[in-house]
Amino acid sequence: MKLTKDMLIADIVNDYPYLAEYIMDLGVHCIGCGAAMFETLEQGFLGHGMSDDEIDTIIIELNKIISDHEKK
């Protein structure tokens, strides 16, 4: 499954727990708060001041991490 910016943060952390640290390192610490249940990855990143271009780049990197993890 390909990760998209429209996915809920809580679903991403549930399906790909190894991404949590990477997302938190980007300054998005809401992965454990109540907002994560209703907030998309895009909304979370926009709320932390990231641009659309930055978000697109991060999504590519997150999908690369998923792909690399699945190869192991």
N, C-alpha and C. Protein backbone atom coordinates (compact mmCIF):
# COMPACT_ATOMS: atom_id res chain seq x y z
N MET A 1 0.84 -1.18 0.00
CA MET A 1 0.00 0.00 0.00
C MET A 1 0.89 1.24 0.00
N LYS A 2 0.52 2.20 -0.79
CA LYS A 2 1.28 3.45 -0.87
C LYS A 2 0.70 4.47 0.10
N LEU A 3 1.58 5.08 0.86
CA LEU A 3 1.18 6.11 1.80
C LEU A 3 0.85 7.39 1.04
N THR A 4 -0.24 8.05 1.45
CA THR A 4 -0.63 9.31 0.82
C THR A 4 -0.82 10.37 1.91
N LYS A 5 -0.81 11.62 1.48
CA LYS A 5 -0.96 12.72 2.44
C LYS A 5 -2.37 12.82 2.99
N ASP A 6 -3.32 12.09 2.39
CA ASP A 6 -4.71 12.11 2.84
C ASP A 6 -5.01 11.07 3.91
N MET A 7 -4.02 10.27 4.27
CA MET A 7 -4.22 9.23 5.28
C MET A 7 -4.18 9.85 6.68
N LEU A 8 -4.95 9.27 7.58
CA LEU A 8 -4.96 9.74 8.97
C LEU A 8 -3.64 9.40 9.64
N ILE A 9 -3.14 10.32 10.45
CA ILE A 9 -1.88 10.10 11.16
C ILE A 9 -1.96 8.84 12.01
N ALA A 10 -3.06 8.65 12.71
CA ALA A 10 -3.21 7.47 13.57
C ALA A 10 -3.14 6.18 12.76
N ASP A 11 -3.73 6.16 11.58
CA ASP A 11 -3.68 4.96 10.74
C ASP A 11 -2.26 4.68 10.27
N ILE A 12 -1.53 5.73 9.92
CA ILE A 12 -0.15 5.57 9.47
C ILE A 12 0.71 4.98 10.58
N VAL A 13 0.59 5.54 11.78
CA VAL A 13 1.39 5.06 12.91
C VAL A 13 0.98 3.63 13.27
N ASN A 14 -0.29 3.32 13.14
CA ASN A 14 -0.75 1.96 13.42
C ASN A 14 -0.21 0.97 12.39
N ASP A 15 -0.28 1.33 11.11
CA ASP A 15 0.15 0.43 10.04
C ASP A 15 1.66 0.39 9.86
N TYR A 16 2.32 1.49 10.15
CA TYR A 16 3.77 1.61 9.95
C TYR A 16 4.42 2.23 11.19
N PRO A 17 4.44 1.52 12.31
CA PRO A 17 4.94 2.12 13.55
C PRO A 17 6.38 2.61 13.46
N TYR A 18 7.15 2.03 12.56
CA TYR A 18 8.55 2.44 12.40
C TYR A 18 8.68 3.83 11.78
N LEU A 19 7.59 4.41 11.28
CA LEU A 19 7.63 5.77 10.75
C LEU A 19 7.45 6.83 11.83
N ALA A 20 7.00 6.43 13.01
CA ALA A 20 6.68 7.39 14.07
C ALA A 20 7.88 8.26 14.42
N GLU A 21 9.05 7.67 14.57
CA GLU A 21 10.23 8.45 14.94
C GLU A 21 10.59 9.46 13.85
N TYR A 22 10.50 9.03 12.60
CA TYR A 22 10.82 9.93 11.48
C TYR A 22 9.86 11.12 11.48
N ILE A 23 8.58 10.85 11.65
CA ILE A 23 7.58 11.92 11.66
C ILE A 23 7.82 12.87 12.83
N MET A 24 8.12 12.31 14.00
CA MET A 24 8.40 13.15 15.17
C MET A 24 9.65 13.98 14.96
N ASP A 25 10.66 13.41 14.30
CA ASP A 25 11.89 14.17 14.02
C ASP A 25 11.62 15.37 13.12
N LEU A 26 10.53 15.33 12.37
CA LEU A 26 10.15 16.46 11.52
C LEU A 26 9.42 17.55 12.31
N GLY A 27 9.20 17.30 13.60
CA GLY A 27 8.55 18.29 14.45
C GLY A 27 7.06 18.06 14.62
N VAL A 28 6.56 16.97 14.07
CA VAL A 28 5.14 16.65 14.19
C VAL A 28 4.99 15.63 15.32
N HIS A 29 4.71 16.14 16.51
CA HIS A 29 4.63 15.29 17.69
C HIS A 29 3.21 14.88 18.03
N CYS A 30 2.28 15.20 17.15
CA CYS A 30 0.87 14.92 17.43
C CYS A 30 0.50 13.46 17.15
N ILE A 31 1.49 12.62 16.87
CA ILE A 31 1.16 11.23 16.54
C ILE A 31 0.51 10.50 17.70
N GLY A 32 0.74 10.98 18.91
CA GLY A 32 0.15 10.33 20.06
C GLY A 32 -1.03 11.08 20.67
N CYS A 33 -1.38 12.21 20.11
CA CYS A 33 -2.48 12.99 20.71
C CYS A 33 -3.81 12.66 20.03
N GLY A 34 -4.87 13.16 20.59
CA GLY A 34 -6.20 12.88 20.07
C GLY A 34 -6.43 13.37 18.66
N ALA A 35 -5.74 14.42 18.27
CA ALA A 35 -5.91 14.97 16.92
C ALA A 35 -5.47 13.97 15.85
N ALA A 36 -4.54 13.09 16.19
CA ALA A 36 -4.04 12.12 15.22
C ALA A 36 -5.15 11.20 14.71
N MET A 37 -6.20 11.05 15.50
CA MET A 37 -7.31 10.18 15.10
C MET A 37 -8.14 10.80 13.98
N PHE A 38 -8.09 12.12 13.84
CA PHE A 38 -8.94 12.81 12.88
C PHE A 38 -8.17 13.65 11.87
N GLU A 39 -6.86 13.78 12.09
CA GLU A 39 -6.05 14.67 11.26
C GLU A 39 -5.26 13.87 10.23
N THR A 40 -5.28 14.35 8.99
CA THR A 40 -4.49 13.69 7.95
C THR A 40 -3.03 14.11 8.08
N LEU A 41 -2.18 13.35 7.41
CA LEU A 41 -0.77 13.68 7.42
C LEU A 41 -0.55 15.09 6.86
N GLU A 42 -1.26 15.42 5.79
CA GLU A 42 -1.15 16.75 5.20
C GLU A 42 -1.56 17.83 6.20
N GLN A 43 -2.68 17.64 6.89
CA GLN A 43 -3.14 18.63 7.86
C GLN A 43 -2.12 18.81 8.98
N GLY A 44 -1.55 17.70 9.43
CA GLY A 44 -0.54 17.77 10.49
C GLY A 44 0.69 18.55 10.05
N PHE A 45 1.16 18.26 8.84
CA PHE A 45 2.35 18.95 8.34
C PHE A 45 2.06 20.42 8.06
N LEU A 46 0.91 20.72 7.48
CA LEU A 46 0.54 22.13 7.24
C LEU A 46 0.44 22.89 8.56
N GLY A 47 -0.12 22.23 9.56
CA GLY A 47 -0.26 22.84 10.88
C GLY A 47 1.07 23.12 11.56
N HIS A 48 2.11 22.45 11.08
CA HIS A 48 3.45 22.67 11.63
C HIS A 48 4.31 23.50 10.67
N GLY A 49 3.64 24.23 9.76
CA GLY A 49 4.32 25.21 8.93
C GLY A 49 5.02 24.70 7.69
N MET A 50 4.72 23.48 7.28
CA MET A 50 5.37 22.94 6.08
C MET A 50 4.60 23.34 4.83
N SER A 51 5.34 23.53 3.75
CA SER A 51 4.73 23.90 2.47
C SER A 51 4.26 22.65 1.73
N ASP A 52 3.45 22.85 0.70
CA ASP A 52 2.98 21.73 -0.12
C ASP A 52 4.16 20.98 -0.74
N ASP A 53 5.16 21.71 -1.20
CA ASP A 53 6.34 21.07 -1.80
C ASP A 53 7.10 20.24 -0.77
N GLU A 54 7.24 20.77 0.44
CA GLU A 54 7.91 20.01 1.50
C GLU A 54 7.13 18.74 1.82
N ILE A 55 5.82 18.85 1.87
CA ILE A 55 4.98 17.69 2.16
C ILE A 55 5.14 16.64 1.08
N ASP A 56 5.13 17.05 -0.18
CA ASP A 56 5.30 16.09 -1.27
C ASP A 56 6.63 15.37 -1.16
N THR A 57 7.68 16.09 -0.81
CA THR A 57 9.01 15.49 -0.65
C THR A 57 9.02 14.50 0.51
N ILE A 58 8.37 14.86 1.60
CA ILE A 58 8.30 13.97 2.77
C ILE A 58 7.53 12.70 2.43
N ILE A 59 6.43 12.82 1.70
CA ILE A 59 5.64 11.65 1.32
C ILE A 59 6.49 10.69 0.49
N ILE A 60 7.28 11.22 -0.43
CA ILE A 60 8.18 10.38 -1.23
C ILE A 60 9.16 9.66 -0.31
N GLU A 61 9.73 10.37 0.64
CA GLU A 61 10.69 9.77 1.57
C GLU A 61 10.03 8.71 2.45
N LEU A 62 8.83 8.99 2.94
CA LEU A 62 8.12 8.01 3.77
C LEU A 62 7.83 6.74 2.98
N ASN A 63 7.43 6.87 1.72
CA ASN A 63 7.18 5.70 0.90
C ASN A 63 8.47 4.92 0.62
N LYS A 64 9.58 5.63 0.50
CA LYS A 64 10.87 4.96 0.32
C LYS A 64 11.22 4.16 1.57
N ILE A 65 10.99 4.73 2.74
CA ILE A 65 11.25 4.02 3.99
C ILE A 65 10.39 2.77 4.08
N ILE A 66 9.12 2.89 3.71
CA ILE A 66 8.22 1.73 3.72
C ILE A 66 8.74 0.65 2.77
N SER A 67 9.10 1.04 1.57
CA SER A 67 9.60 0.10 0.57
C SER A 67 10.86 -0.60 1.06
N ASP A 68 11.79 0.16 1.61
CA ASP A 68 13.03 -0.42 2.14
C ASP A 68 12.74 -1.37 3.29
N HIS A 69 11.81 -1.00 4.15
CA HIS A 69 11.46 -1.83 5.31
C HIS A 69 10.83 -3.15 4.86
N GLU A 70 10.01 -3.11 3.82
CA GLU A 70 9.34 -4.32 3.34
C GLU A 70 10.30 -5.26 2.63
N LYS A 71 11.44 -4.76 2.16
CA LYS A 71 12.44 -5.60 1.50
C LYS A 71 13.23 -6.43 2.49
N LYS A 72 13.22 -6.03 3.75
CA LYS A 72 14.00 -6.73 4.78
C LYS A 72 13.38 -8.05 5.15
